Amino acid sequence: MPTTSRNPDTLSHPPEEKQPRRRRRKEARPGEIISAGLEEFADKGFAAARLEDVARRAGIAKGTIYRYFSSKEDLFEAALNARLTPVLGGLDSMVDSFPGTTEELLRVAIARLHKALFEDGLHVLMRIIITEGNRFPDVAENYHRNVISRGRAMLARVVERGIARGEFSPSAATDLPVVLAAPAVMAIVWKMVFERFDPIPPDRFAEAHADLIVKGLLSRSG
């Protein structure tokens, strides 16, 4: 009886199973829907955005969206988390491991915050919160929980680090660290309303933000 020759390499190293294309597509679909949702929210705001238009942008049927997101609010929350989680996570890690002074840490953190806002598109989401948050309290509450609270906790850790090291002086701002982010909100409002009349480069805004905060916090002793 004839024998079939087998490649010994095949016997010892079976070929890798390739992931079915349909499965790869299915796993990528939530990200595609989120990207399409961000485009729709950027163009129309939250109230006017429609899931059928998101589906059209993503090249899928509207019903497919509901396999992954239960509502427009759910999609917005997912978009918010997708954009902000890497930013806030990176800043948290930096606070834990930063080797330099707290002034240097704060300047780097503020520069990264402004970069995320204006280069990575986060200002679009914040614009929606500013202009439509009062009409959609659940959306505003989600933003407060996932962004404001986490950002405030991160800023508080930076300030506490500076005070513990004798670099910063205790002040009203250190008791209410959310005010340290106020210039970033002003930068967003400026971009929304005044940029076409009086453009300010984002890097200049970030530098001025850092100077204002650092000089207000620096210890007066010595």
N, C-alpha and C. Protein backbone atom coordinates (compact mmCIF):
# COMPACT_ATOMS: atom_id res chain seq x y z
N MET A 1 0.86 -1.18 0.00
CA MET A 1 0.00 0.00 0.00
C MET A 1 0.90 1.23 0.00
N PRO A 2 0.68 2.20 -0.93
CA PRO A 2 1.58 3.34 -1.01
C PRO A 2 1.45 4.23 0.22
N THR A 3 2.56 4.77 0.63
CA THR A 3 2.55 5.67 1.79
C THR A 3 2.66 7.11 1.31
N THR A 4 2.04 7.96 2.04
CA THR A 4 2.10 9.39 1.70
C THR A 4 3.21 10.03 2.49
N SER A 5 4.12 10.66 1.79
CA SER A 5 5.24 11.30 2.49
C SER A 5 4.74 12.57 3.18
N ARG A 6 5.24 12.78 4.38
CA ARG A 6 4.83 13.96 5.14
C ARG A 6 6.06 14.79 5.48
N ASN A 7 5.88 16.05 5.43
CA ASN A 7 6.97 16.96 5.78
C ASN A 7 7.15 16.91 7.29
N PRO A 8 8.34 16.55 7.75
CA PRO A 8 8.54 16.46 9.19
C PRO A 8 8.30 17.79 9.90
N ASP A 9 8.59 18.91 9.21
CA ASP A 9 8.36 20.19 9.85
C ASP A 9 6.88 20.40 10.13
N THR A 10 6.05 19.89 9.21
CA THR A 10 4.61 20.04 9.39
C THR A 10 4.13 19.24 10.58
N LEU A 11 4.75 18.06 10.79
CA LEU A 11 4.34 17.23 11.91
C LEU A 11 4.72 17.86 13.24
N SER A 12 5.91 18.43 13.30
CA SER A 12 6.37 18.98 14.58
C SER A 12 5.85 20.38 14.81
N HIS A 13 5.55 21.11 13.73
CA HIS A 13 5.07 22.48 13.87
C HIS A 13 3.82 22.66 13.02
N PRO A 14 2.67 22.28 13.52
CA PRO A 14 1.44 22.41 12.74
C PRO A 14 1.22 23.87 12.37
N PRO A 15 0.67 24.10 11.18
CA PRO A 15 0.47 25.47 10.74
C PRO A 15 -0.48 26.21 11.67
N GLU A 16 -0.18 27.53 11.85
CA GLU A 16 -1.04 28.34 12.69
C GLU A 16 -2.42 28.46 12.07
N GLU A 17 -3.42 28.32 12.93
CA GLU A 17 -4.77 28.50 12.43
C GLU A 17 -5.04 29.97 12.25
N LYS A 18 -5.50 30.31 11.08
CA LYS A 18 -5.81 31.71 10.81
C LYS A 18 -7.20 32.02 11.33
N GLN A 19 -7.31 33.20 11.95
CA GLN A 19 -8.60 33.61 12.46
C GLN A 19 -9.54 33.88 11.29
N PRO A 20 -10.72 33.32 11.30
CA PRO A 20 -11.65 33.56 10.20
C PRO A 20 -11.88 35.05 10.00
N ARG A 21 -11.95 35.43 8.73
CA ARG A 21 -12.12 36.84 8.41
C ARG A 21 -13.37 37.41 9.05
N ARG A 22 -14.45 36.64 9.06
CA ARG A 22 -15.70 37.14 9.63
C ARG A 22 -15.53 37.43 11.11
N ARG A 23 -14.76 36.56 11.81
CA ARG A 23 -14.56 36.78 13.23
C ARG A 23 -13.71 38.03 13.47
N ARG A 24 -12.65 38.19 12.66
CA ARG A 24 -11.84 39.39 12.79
C ARG A 24 -12.68 40.63 12.58
N ARG A 25 -13.53 40.59 11.59
CA ARG A 25 -14.40 41.73 11.29
C ARG A 25 -15.35 42.01 12.45
N LYS A 26 -15.89 40.95 13.03
CA LYS A 26 -16.83 41.13 14.14
C LYS A 26 -16.14 41.76 15.34
N GLU A 27 -14.90 41.35 15.61
CA GLU A 27 -14.18 41.88 16.76
C GLU A 27 -13.80 43.35 16.56
N ALA A 28 -13.58 43.73 15.29
CA ALA A 28 -13.22 45.12 15.00
C ALA A 28 -14.43 46.04 14.94
N ARG A 29 -15.63 45.48 14.83
CA ARG A 29 -16.81 46.29 14.55
C ARG A 29 -17.12 47.31 15.65
N PRO A 30 -17.02 46.98 16.95
CA PRO A 30 -17.32 48.03 17.94
C PRO A 30 -16.45 49.28 17.75
N GLY A 31 -15.18 49.08 17.45
CA GLY A 31 -14.30 50.23 17.21
C GLY A 31 -14.71 51.02 15.99
N GLU A 32 -15.16 50.32 14.95
CA GLU A 32 -15.61 51.00 13.74
C GLU A 32 -16.88 51.82 14.01
N ILE A 33 -17.76 51.25 14.83
CA ILE A 33 -19.00 51.98 15.17
C ILE A 33 -18.67 53.20 16.02
N ILE A 34 -17.74 53.04 16.96
CA ILE A 34 -17.34 54.18 17.80
C ILE A 34 -16.74 55.29 16.94
N SER A 35 -15.89 54.93 15.99
CA SER A 35 -15.28 55.95 15.12
C SER A 35 -16.36 56.67 14.30
N ALA A 36 -17.30 55.90 13.78
CA ALA A 36 -18.40 56.50 13.02
C ALA A 36 -19.26 57.39 13.92
N GLY A 37 -19.47 56.94 15.17
CA GLY A 37 -20.23 57.75 16.11
C GLY A 37 -19.55 59.06 16.43
N LEU A 38 -18.24 59.03 16.60
CA LEU A 38 -17.50 60.26 16.88
C LEU A 38 -17.63 61.25 15.72
N GLU A 39 -17.58 60.75 14.50
CA GLU A 39 -17.74 61.62 13.35
C GLU A 39 -19.14 62.24 13.33
N GLU A 40 -20.13 61.42 13.64
CA GLU A 40 -21.51 61.91 13.65
C GLU A 40 -21.72 62.93 14.76
N PHE A 41 -21.21 62.64 15.96
CA PHE A 41 -21.34 63.58 17.07
C PHE A 41 -20.62 64.89 16.75
N ALA A 42 -19.45 64.79 16.12
CA ALA A 42 -18.68 65.99 15.77
C ALA A 42 -19.45 66.86 14.78
N ASP A 43 -20.10 66.22 13.82
CA ASP A 43 -20.83 66.96 12.78
C ASP A 43 -22.14 67.56 13.28
N LYS A 44 -22.86 66.80 14.12
CA LYS A 44 -24.24 67.18 14.43
C LYS A 44 -24.52 67.44 15.90
N GLY A 45 -23.53 67.17 16.78
CA GLY A 45 -23.82 67.25 18.19
C GLY A 45 -24.53 66.00 18.67
N PHE A 46 -24.86 65.96 19.96
CA PHE A 46 -25.48 64.75 20.51
C PHE A 46 -26.96 64.66 20.15
N ALA A 47 -27.69 65.74 20.33
CA ALA A 47 -29.15 65.69 20.14
C ALA A 47 -29.52 65.32 18.71
N ALA A 48 -28.82 65.92 17.74
CA ALA A 48 -29.19 65.71 16.34
C ALA A 48 -28.58 64.46 15.73
N ALA A 49 -27.62 63.86 16.40
CA ALA A 49 -27.00 62.64 15.86
C ALA A 49 -28.02 61.49 15.88
N ARG A 50 -28.03 60.69 14.82
CA ARG A 50 -28.97 59.56 14.72
C ARG A 50 -28.19 58.27 14.48
N LEU A 51 -28.66 57.21 15.13
CA LEU A 51 -27.95 55.94 14.99
C LEU A 51 -28.00 55.41 13.56
N GLU A 52 -29.07 55.72 12.83
CA GLU A 52 -29.10 55.26 11.44
C GLU A 52 -28.02 55.93 10.61
N ASP A 53 -27.68 57.19 10.96
CA ASP A 53 -26.60 57.87 10.24
C ASP A 53 -25.24 57.34 10.67
N VAL A 54 -25.13 56.97 11.95
CA VAL A 54 -23.90 56.32 12.41
C VAL A 54 -23.70 55.01 11.65
N ALA A 55 -24.78 54.23 11.52
CA ALA A 55 -24.70 52.96 10.80
C ALA A 55 -24.29 53.17 9.36
N ARG A 56 -24.82 54.23 8.75
CA ARG A 56 -24.47 54.51 7.35
C ARG A 56 -22.98 54.83 7.22
N ARG A 57 -22.47 55.60 8.16
CA ARG A 57 -21.04 55.92 8.13
C ARG A 57 -20.19 54.67 8.30
N ALA A 58 -20.66 53.75 9.15
CA ALA A 58 -19.91 52.53 9.43
C ALA A 58 -20.11 51.46 8.38
N GLY A 59 -21.08 51.67 7.47
CA GLY A 59 -21.35 50.70 6.42
C GLY A 59 -22.04 49.45 6.92
N ILE A 60 -22.92 49.63 7.92
CA ILE A 60 -23.63 48.48 8.50
C ILE A 60 -25.12 48.81 8.60
N ALA A 61 -25.91 47.81 8.92
CA ALA A 61 -27.32 48.03 9.18
C ALA A 61 -27.49 48.63 10.57
N LYS A 62 -28.53 49.44 10.73
CA LYS A 62 -28.76 50.07 12.03
C LYS A 62 -28.89 49.03 13.14
N GLY A 63 -29.54 47.91 12.84
CA GLY A 63 -29.73 46.89 13.86
C GLY A 63 -28.43 46.32 14.39
N THR A 64 -27.39 46.37 13.58
CA THR A 64 -26.09 45.85 14.03
C THR A 64 -25.55 46.64 15.21
N ILE A 65 -25.83 47.93 15.23
CA ILE A 65 -25.34 48.76 16.34
C ILE A 65 -25.85 48.22 17.67
N TYR A 66 -27.12 47.76 17.69
CA TYR A 66 -27.71 47.33 18.95
C TYR A 66 -27.13 46.00 19.47
N ARG A 67 -26.34 45.33 18.66
CA ARG A 67 -25.63 44.16 19.16
C ARG A 67 -24.51 44.57 20.12
N TYR A 68 -24.06 45.80 19.99
CA TYR A 68 -22.91 46.26 20.78
C TYR A 68 -23.25 47.41 21.72
N PHE A 69 -24.23 48.24 21.34
CA PHE A 69 -24.58 49.43 22.13
C PHE A 69 -26.10 49.51 22.25
N SER A 70 -26.56 49.71 23.46
CA SER A 70 -28.01 49.65 23.69
C SER A 70 -28.73 50.94 23.29
N SER A 71 -27.99 52.04 23.15
CA SER A 71 -28.64 53.32 22.85
C SER A 71 -27.58 54.30 22.36
N LYS A 72 -28.04 55.47 21.96
CA LYS A 72 -27.12 56.53 21.56
C LYS A 72 -26.27 56.97 22.75
N GLU A 73 -26.88 57.02 23.93
CA GLU A 73 -26.14 57.38 25.14
C GLU A 73 -25.03 56.36 25.42
N ASP A 74 -25.35 55.09 25.23
CA ASP A 74 -24.36 54.03 25.44
C ASP A 74 -23.20 54.17 24.46
N LEU A 75 -23.51 54.51 23.21
CA LEU A 75 -22.45 54.70 22.21
C LEU A 75 -21.59 55.91 22.57
N PHE A 76 -22.22 56.98 23.02
CA PHE A 76 -21.45 58.17 23.40
C PHE A 76 -20.53 57.85 24.57
N GLU A 77 -21.03 57.11 25.55
CA GLU A 77 -20.19 56.73 26.69
C GLU A 77 -19.01 55.88 26.23
N ALA A 78 -19.26 54.96 25.30
CA ALA A 78 -18.17 54.12 24.79
C ALA A 78 -17.15 54.97 24.04
N ALA A 79 -17.63 55.96 23.27
CA ALA A 79 -16.71 56.85 22.56
C ALA A 79 -15.87 57.66 23.54
N LEU A 80 -16.52 58.14 24.58
CA LEU A 80 -15.83 58.90 25.61
C LEU A 80 -14.74 58.06 26.26
N ASN A 81 -15.09 56.84 26.64
CA ASN A 81 -14.12 55.97 27.29
C ASN A 81 -12.98 55.59 26.34
N ALA A 82 -13.32 55.35 25.08
CA ALA A 82 -12.29 54.96 24.11
C ALA A 82 -11.26 56.06 23.92
N ARG A 83 -11.70 57.31 23.95
CA ARG A 83 -10.78 58.42 23.76
C ARG A 83 -10.06 58.83 25.03
N LEU A 84 -10.74 58.74 26.16
CA LEU A 84 -10.19 59.29 27.39
C LEU A 84 -9.42 58.30 28.25
N THR A 85 -9.83 57.04 28.22
CA THR A 85 -9.17 56.06 29.08
C THR A 85 -7.66 55.99 28.84
N PRO A 86 -7.20 55.95 27.58
CA PRO A 86 -5.74 55.93 27.37
C PRO A 86 -5.05 57.19 27.89
N VAL A 87 -5.72 58.33 27.74
CA VAL A 87 -5.12 59.59 28.18
C VAL A 87 -5.00 59.62 29.70
N LEU A 88 -6.11 59.37 30.39
CA LEU A 88 -6.10 59.42 31.85
C LEU A 88 -5.24 58.31 32.44
N GLY A 89 -5.29 57.13 31.81
CA GLY A 89 -4.44 56.03 32.29
C GLY A 89 -2.98 56.37 32.16
N GLY A 90 -2.60 56.99 31.04
CA GLY A 90 -1.21 57.38 30.85
C GLY A 90 -0.77 58.43 31.84
N LEU A 91 -1.65 59.38 32.14
CA LEU A 91 -1.30 60.42 33.12
C LEU A 91 -1.18 59.83 34.52
N ASP A 92 -2.07 58.91 34.88
CA ASP A 92 -1.98 58.25 36.18
C ASP A 92 -0.65 57.52 36.34
N SER A 93 -0.27 56.79 35.30
CA SER A 93 0.99 56.05 35.35
C SER A 93 2.17 57.00 35.46
N MET A 94 2.10 58.11 34.78
CA MET A 94 3.19 59.08 34.81
C MET A 94 3.36 59.67 36.21
N VAL A 95 2.24 59.96 36.88
CA VAL A 95 2.32 60.50 38.24
C VAL A 95 3.03 59.50 39.15
N ASP A 96 2.77 58.22 38.96
CA ASP A 96 3.38 57.20 39.82
C ASP A 96 4.88 57.08 39.61
N SER A 97 5.33 57.31 38.39
CA SER A 97 6.73 56.97 38.08
C SER A 97 7.60 58.15 37.68
N PHE A 98 7.05 59.37 37.67
CA PHE A 98 7.81 60.50 37.15
C PHE A 98 9.04 60.78 38.03
N PRO A 99 10.24 60.88 37.44
CA PRO A 99 11.45 61.03 38.24
C PRO A 99 11.81 62.47 38.58
N GLY A 100 11.23 63.44 37.88
CA GLY A 100 11.64 64.84 38.05
C GLY A 100 10.87 65.57 39.12
N THR A 101 10.98 66.89 39.08
CA THR A 101 10.27 67.72 40.05
C THR A 101 8.77 67.73 39.74
N THR A 102 8.00 68.18 40.72
CA THR A 102 6.55 68.23 40.50
C THR A 102 6.19 69.33 39.52
N GLU A 103 6.97 70.40 39.47
CA GLU A 103 6.74 71.42 38.45
C GLU A 103 6.89 70.82 37.05
N GLU A 104 7.96 70.05 36.85
CA GLU A 104 8.16 69.39 35.55
C GLU A 104 7.02 68.42 35.24
N LEU A 105 6.61 67.67 36.27
CA LEU A 105 5.51 66.73 36.09
C LEU A 105 4.23 67.46 35.67
N LEU A 106 3.92 68.56 36.34
CA LEU A 106 2.70 69.30 36.03
C LEU A 106 2.76 69.88 34.62
N ARG A 107 3.93 70.37 34.22
CA ARG A 107 4.07 70.94 32.87
C ARG A 107 3.88 69.85 31.80
N VAL A 108 4.46 68.68 32.04
CA VAL A 108 4.29 67.58 31.08
C VAL A 108 2.83 67.13 31.02
N ALA A 109 2.19 67.03 32.19
CA ALA A 109 0.79 66.59 32.24
C ALA A 109 -0.11 67.58 31.51
N ILE A 110 0.12 68.87 31.70
CA ILE A 110 -0.71 69.88 31.03
C ILE A 110 -0.48 69.85 29.53
N ALA A 111 0.77 69.69 29.11
CA ALA A 111 1.06 69.60 27.68
C ALA A 111 0.36 68.40 27.05
N ARG A 112 0.36 67.26 27.75
CA ARG A 112 -0.30 66.07 27.23
C ARG A 112 -1.81 66.24 27.19
N LEU A 113 -2.35 66.92 28.20
CA LEU A 113 -3.78 67.17 28.23
C LEU A 113 -4.21 68.00 27.02
N HIS A 114 -3.48 69.07 26.74
CA HIS A 114 -3.83 69.92 25.60
C HIS A 114 -3.65 69.18 24.28
N LYS A 115 -2.62 68.34 24.21
CA LYS A 115 -2.42 67.56 22.99
C LYS A 115 -3.61 66.63 22.76
N ALA A 116 -4.05 65.98 23.84
CA ALA A 116 -5.21 65.07 23.71
C ALA A 116 -6.46 65.84 23.30
N LEU A 117 -6.62 67.03 23.84
CA LEU A 117 -7.81 67.82 23.54
C LEU A 117 -7.86 68.24 22.08
N PHE A 118 -6.73 68.73 21.58
CA PHE A 118 -6.78 69.39 20.28
C PHE A 118 -6.16 68.60 19.14
N GLU A 119 -5.34 67.62 19.44
CA GLU A 119 -4.79 66.80 18.37
C GLU A 119 -5.52 65.46 18.25
N ASP A 120 -6.03 64.96 19.37
CA ASP A 120 -6.70 63.67 19.36
C ASP A 120 -8.23 63.79 19.35
N GLY A 121 -8.74 65.01 19.27
CA GLY A 121 -10.17 65.20 19.07
C GLY A 121 -11.05 65.20 20.30
N LEU A 122 -10.46 65.25 21.50
CA LEU A 122 -11.29 65.21 22.69
C LEU A 122 -12.12 66.48 22.85
N HIS A 123 -11.70 67.58 22.23
CA HIS A 123 -12.47 68.82 22.37
C HIS A 123 -13.87 68.67 21.79
N VAL A 124 -14.04 67.75 20.83
CA VAL A 124 -15.37 67.53 20.25
C VAL A 124 -16.32 67.00 21.32
N LEU A 125 -15.86 66.03 22.10
CA LEU A 125 -16.70 65.46 23.15
C LEU A 125 -16.97 66.49 24.25
N MET A 126 -15.95 67.26 24.60
CA MET A 126 -16.14 68.27 25.64
C MET A 126 -17.07 69.38 25.15
N ARG A 127 -16.99 69.70 23.87
CA ARG A 127 -17.90 70.71 23.31
C ARG A 127 -19.36 70.27 23.48
N ILE A 128 -19.60 68.98 23.28
CA ILE A 128 -20.96 68.46 23.43
C ILE A 128 -21.42 68.56 24.88
N ILE A 129 -20.53 68.25 25.80
CA ILE A 129 -20.89 68.35 27.22
C ILE A 129 -21.20 69.80 27.58
N ILE A 130 -20.38 70.73 27.11
CA ILE A 130 -20.58 72.14 27.44
C ILE A 130 -21.89 72.67 26.86
N THR A 131 -22.17 72.33 25.62
CA THR A 131 -23.33 72.91 24.94
C THR A 131 -24.63 72.13 25.16
N GLU A 132 -24.54 70.83 25.47
CA GLU A 132 -25.77 70.02 25.53
C GLU A 132 -25.94 69.27 26.85
N GLY A 133 -24.96 69.40 27.74
CA GLY A 133 -25.02 68.62 28.98
C GLY A 133 -26.24 68.88 29.82
N ASN A 134 -26.73 70.14 29.83
CA ASN A 134 -27.90 70.44 30.65
C ASN A 134 -29.17 69.79 30.11
N ARG A 135 -29.18 69.45 28.82
CA ARG A 135 -30.37 68.80 28.22
C ARG A 135 -30.31 67.29 28.36
N PHE A 136 -29.13 66.76 28.61
CA PHE A 136 -28.96 65.31 28.71
C PHE A 136 -28.20 64.98 29.99
N PRO A 137 -28.90 65.00 31.14
CA PRO A 137 -28.22 64.83 32.42
C PRO A 137 -27.49 63.50 32.55
N ASP A 138 -27.98 62.44 31.92
CA ASP A 138 -27.28 61.16 32.01
C ASP A 138 -25.92 61.23 31.32
N VAL A 139 -25.88 61.92 30.19
CA VAL A 139 -24.61 62.09 29.47
C VAL A 139 -23.65 62.93 30.31
N ALA A 140 -24.17 64.02 30.90
CA ALA A 140 -23.34 64.88 31.73
C ALA A 140 -22.83 64.12 32.97
N GLU A 141 -23.72 63.32 33.57
CA GLU A 141 -23.31 62.55 34.76
C GLU A 141 -22.22 61.55 34.42
N ASN A 142 -22.35 60.91 33.26
CA ASN A 142 -21.33 59.97 32.82
C ASN A 142 -19.99 60.67 32.61
N TYR A 143 -20.04 61.85 32.00
CA TYR A 143 -18.81 62.61 31.78
C TYR A 143 -18.19 63.00 33.12
N HIS A 144 -19.02 63.43 34.06
CA HIS A 144 -18.50 63.81 35.38
C HIS A 144 -17.84 62.61 36.06
N ARG A 145 -18.50 61.46 35.97
CA ARG A 145 -17.98 60.26 36.63
C ARG A 145 -16.67 59.78 36.01
N ASN A 146 -16.64 59.73 34.68
CA ASN A 146 -15.50 59.12 34.00
C ASN A 146 -14.36 60.08 33.67
N VAL A 147 -14.66 61.36 33.64
CA VAL A 147 -13.64 62.33 33.25
C VAL A 147 -13.32 63.30 34.38
N ILE A 148 -14.32 64.05 34.82
CA ILE A 148 -14.07 65.08 35.82
C ILE A 148 -13.52 64.46 37.11
N SER A 149 -14.19 63.43 37.61
CA SER A 149 -13.76 62.84 38.88
C SER A 149 -12.37 62.22 38.78
N ARG A 150 -12.11 61.52 37.68
CA ARG A 150 -10.79 60.91 37.51
C ARG A 150 -9.71 61.96 37.30
N GLY A 151 -10.02 62.97 36.50
CA GLY A 151 -9.05 64.03 36.28
C GLY A 151 -8.77 64.81 37.55
N ARG A 152 -9.81 65.08 38.35
CA ARG A 152 -9.62 65.79 39.61
C ARG A 152 -8.76 64.98 40.57
N ALA A 153 -8.99 63.68 40.63
CA ALA A 153 -8.18 62.82 41.51
C ALA A 153 -6.72 62.82 41.06
N MET A 154 -6.49 62.80 39.75
CA MET A 154 -5.12 62.81 39.25
C MET A 154 -4.42 64.13 39.59
N LEU A 155 -5.13 65.25 39.39
CA LEU A 155 -4.55 66.55 39.72
C LEU A 155 -4.27 66.67 41.22
N ALA A 156 -5.17 66.13 42.04
CA ALA A 156 -4.98 66.17 43.49
C ALA A 156 -3.71 65.41 43.87
N ARG A 157 -3.45 64.29 43.22
CA ARG A 157 -2.24 63.52 43.51
C ARG A 157 -0.98 64.31 43.15
N VAL A 158 -1.04 65.02 42.03
CA VAL A 158 0.11 65.83 41.62
C VAL A 158 0.37 66.93 42.65
N VAL A 159 -0.70 67.62 43.05
CA VAL A 159 -0.56 68.71 44.01
C VAL A 159 -0.06 68.19 45.35
N GLU A 160 -0.63 67.07 45.81
CA GLU A 160 -0.19 66.49 47.09
C GLU A 160 1.29 66.08 47.02
N ARG A 161 1.73 65.59 45.87
CA ARG A 161 3.14 65.25 45.69
C ARG A 161 4.01 66.50 45.86
N GLY A 162 3.58 67.60 45.23
CA GLY A 162 4.36 68.83 45.32
C GLY A 162 4.40 69.38 46.74
N ILE A 163 3.28 69.31 47.46
CA ILE A 163 3.25 69.81 48.84
C ILE A 163 4.12 68.94 49.74
N ALA A 164 4.02 67.62 49.57
CA ALA A 164 4.81 66.70 50.39
C ALA A 164 6.31 66.90 50.18
N ARG A 165 6.70 67.29 48.99
CA ARG A 165 8.12 67.50 48.68
C ARG A 165 8.58 68.93 48.95
N GLY A 166 7.67 69.78 49.47
CA GLY A 166 8.02 71.16 49.76
C GLY A 166 8.13 72.04 48.53
N GLU A 167 7.62 71.57 47.39
CA GLU A 167 7.71 72.33 46.14
C GLU A 167 6.52 73.27 45.95
N PHE A 168 5.35 72.88 46.46
CA PHE A 168 4.14 73.67 46.34
C PHE A 168 3.69 74.12 47.72
N SER A 169 3.00 75.25 47.75
CA SER A 169 2.41 75.74 49.00
C SER A 169 0.92 75.39 49.03
N PRO A 170 0.41 75.00 50.20
CA PRO A 170 -1.04 74.79 50.31
C PRO A 170 -1.78 76.09 50.00
N SER A 171 -2.92 75.97 49.32
CA SER A 171 -3.71 77.14 48.96
C SER A 171 -5.14 76.70 48.68
N ALA A 172 -5.99 77.67 48.36
CA ALA A 172 -7.37 77.33 48.00
C ALA A 172 -7.40 76.43 46.77
N ALA A 173 -6.46 76.65 45.85
CA ALA A 173 -6.40 75.83 44.63
C ALA A 173 -6.04 74.38 44.96
N THR A 174 -5.18 74.19 45.96
CA THR A 174 -4.82 72.81 46.31
C THR A 174 -5.97 72.09 46.99
N ASP A 175 -6.88 72.85 47.62
CA ASP A 175 -8.07 72.23 48.23
C ASP A 175 -9.14 71.94 47.19
N LEU A 176 -9.07 72.60 46.03
CA LEU A 176 -10.06 72.40 44.97
C LEU A 176 -9.32 72.24 43.64
N PRO A 177 -8.66 71.09 43.45
CA PRO A 177 -7.77 70.95 42.29
C PRO A 177 -8.46 71.00 40.94
N VAL A 178 -9.79 70.88 40.92
CA VAL A 178 -10.48 70.95 39.63
C VAL A 178 -10.27 72.30 38.96
N VAL A 179 -10.02 73.37 39.77
CA VAL A 179 -9.81 74.68 39.15
C VAL A 179 -8.51 74.73 38.34
N LEU A 180 -7.61 73.79 38.61
CA LEU A 180 -6.35 73.77 37.87
C LEU A 180 -6.57 73.43 36.40
N ALA A 181 -7.72 72.82 36.09
CA ALA A 181 -8.02 72.47 34.70
C ALA A 181 -8.80 73.57 33.99
N ALA A 182 -9.14 74.65 34.70
CA ALA A 182 -9.99 75.69 34.11
C ALA A 182 -9.43 76.27 32.82
N PRO A 183 -8.13 76.54 32.71
CA PRO A 183 -7.63 77.09 31.43
C PRO A 183 -7.85 76.16 30.24
N ALA A 184 -7.87 74.84 30.47
CA ALA A 184 -8.14 73.91 29.37
C ALA A 184 -9.57 74.06 28.88
N VAL A 185 -10.50 74.28 29.82
CA VAL A 185 -11.89 74.50 29.43
C VAL A 185 -12.00 75.81 28.64
N MET A 186 -11.27 76.83 29.10
CA MET A 186 -11.27 78.10 28.38
C MET A 186 -10.72 77.92 26.97
N ALA A 187 -9.70 77.08 26.82
CA ALA A 187 -9.13 76.82 25.49
C ALA A 187 -10.16 76.20 24.56
N ILE A 188 -11.00 75.32 25.11
CA ILE A 188 -12.04 74.69 24.30
C ILE A 188 -13.09 75.72 23.88
N VAL A 189 -13.52 76.55 24.84
CA VAL A 189 -14.50 77.60 24.53
C VAL A 189 -13.93 78.55 23.48
N TRP A 190 -12.67 78.88 23.64
CA TRP A 190 -12.03 79.78 22.67
C TRP A 190 -12.05 79.16 21.27
N LYS A 191 -11.72 77.88 21.20
CA LYS A 191 -11.71 77.21 19.90
C LYS A 191 -13.12 77.17 19.30
N MET A 192 -14.12 76.96 20.15
CA MET A 192 -15.50 76.86 19.68
C MET A 192 -16.02 78.18 19.13
N VAL A 193 -15.68 79.28 19.82
CA VAL A 193 -16.35 80.55 19.56
C VAL A 193 -15.45 81.59 18.88
N PHE A 194 -14.21 81.71 19.35
CA PHE A 194 -13.40 82.85 18.96
C PHE A 194 -12.23 82.54 18.02
N GLU A 195 -11.97 81.27 17.79
CA GLU A 195 -10.77 80.94 17.03
C GLU A 195 -10.75 81.56 15.64
N ARG A 196 -11.89 81.62 14.99
CA ARG A 196 -11.93 82.17 13.63
C ARG A 196 -11.59 83.66 13.60
N PHE A 197 -11.79 84.37 14.74
CA PHE A 197 -11.45 85.79 14.79
C PHE A 197 -10.05 86.02 15.36
N ASP A 198 -9.65 85.16 16.29
CA ASP A 198 -8.40 85.39 17.03
C ASP A 198 -7.78 84.03 17.37
N PRO A 199 -7.19 83.35 16.39
CA PRO A 199 -6.63 82.02 16.65
C PRO A 199 -5.43 82.06 17.60
N ILE A 200 -5.39 81.10 18.51
CA ILE A 200 -4.26 80.95 19.43
C ILE A 200 -3.72 79.54 19.25
N PRO A 201 -2.43 79.38 18.93
CA PRO A 201 -1.87 78.04 18.76
C PRO A 201 -2.04 77.21 20.03
N PRO A 202 -2.46 75.97 19.90
CA PRO A 202 -2.66 75.13 21.10
C PRO A 202 -1.43 75.02 21.99
N ASP A 203 -0.23 74.98 21.39
CA ASP A 203 0.96 74.85 22.24
C ASP A 203 1.20 76.10 23.08
N ARG A 204 0.82 77.28 22.54
CA ARG A 204 0.94 78.50 23.33
C ARG A 204 -0.07 78.51 24.47
N PHE A 205 -1.26 78.03 24.20
CA PHE A 205 -2.28 77.94 25.24
C PHE A 205 -1.80 77.01 26.35
N ALA A 206 -1.22 75.88 25.97
CA ALA A 206 -0.73 74.91 26.97
C ALA A 206 0.40 75.51 27.80
N GLU A 207 1.30 76.24 27.15
CA GLU A 207 2.42 76.85 27.88
C GLU A 207 1.92 77.89 28.87
N ALA A 208 0.97 78.73 28.43
CA ALA A 208 0.41 79.74 29.32
C ALA A 208 -0.35 79.09 30.48
N HIS A 209 -1.07 78.02 30.19
CA HIS A 209 -1.79 77.27 31.22
C HIS A 209 -0.81 76.77 32.27
N ALA A 210 0.28 76.15 31.84
CA ALA A 210 1.26 75.61 32.76
C ALA A 210 1.90 76.72 33.60
N ASP A 211 2.26 77.83 32.97
CA ASP A 211 2.87 78.94 33.71
C ASP A 211 1.93 79.47 34.79
N LEU A 212 0.68 79.66 34.42
CA LEU A 212 -0.30 80.19 35.37
C LEU A 212 -0.44 79.28 36.59
N ILE A 213 -0.55 77.98 36.34
CA ILE A 213 -0.78 77.03 37.44
C ILE A 213 0.49 76.86 38.29
N VAL A 214 1.60 76.65 37.63
CA VAL A 214 2.84 76.39 38.37
C VAL A 214 3.23 77.58 39.24
N LYS A 215 3.16 78.78 38.67
CA LYS A 215 3.58 79.95 39.45
C LYS A 215 2.63 80.25 40.59
N GLY A 216 1.39 79.81 40.46
CA GLY A 216 0.45 79.97 41.55
C GLY A 216 0.64 78.96 42.67
N LEU A 217 1.26 77.83 42.36
CA LEU A 217 1.41 76.76 43.34
C LEU A 217 2.78 76.71 44.00
N LEU A 218 3.79 77.28 43.35
CA LEU A 218 5.16 77.14 43.86
C LEU A 218 5.28 77.66 45.28
N SER A 219 6.10 76.94 46.07
CA SER A 219 6.30 77.31 47.46
C SER A 219 7.00 78.66 47.55
N ARG A 220 6.53 79.50 48.46
CA ARG A 220 7.15 80.81 48.66
C ARG A 220 8.32 80.75 49.63
N SER A 221 8.48 79.65 50.33
CA SER A 221 9.57 79.55 51.30
C SER A 221 10.89 79.44 50.58
N GLY A 222 11.89 80.05 51.11
CA GLY A 222 13.21 80.00 50.48
C GLY A 222 13.20 80.81 49.24
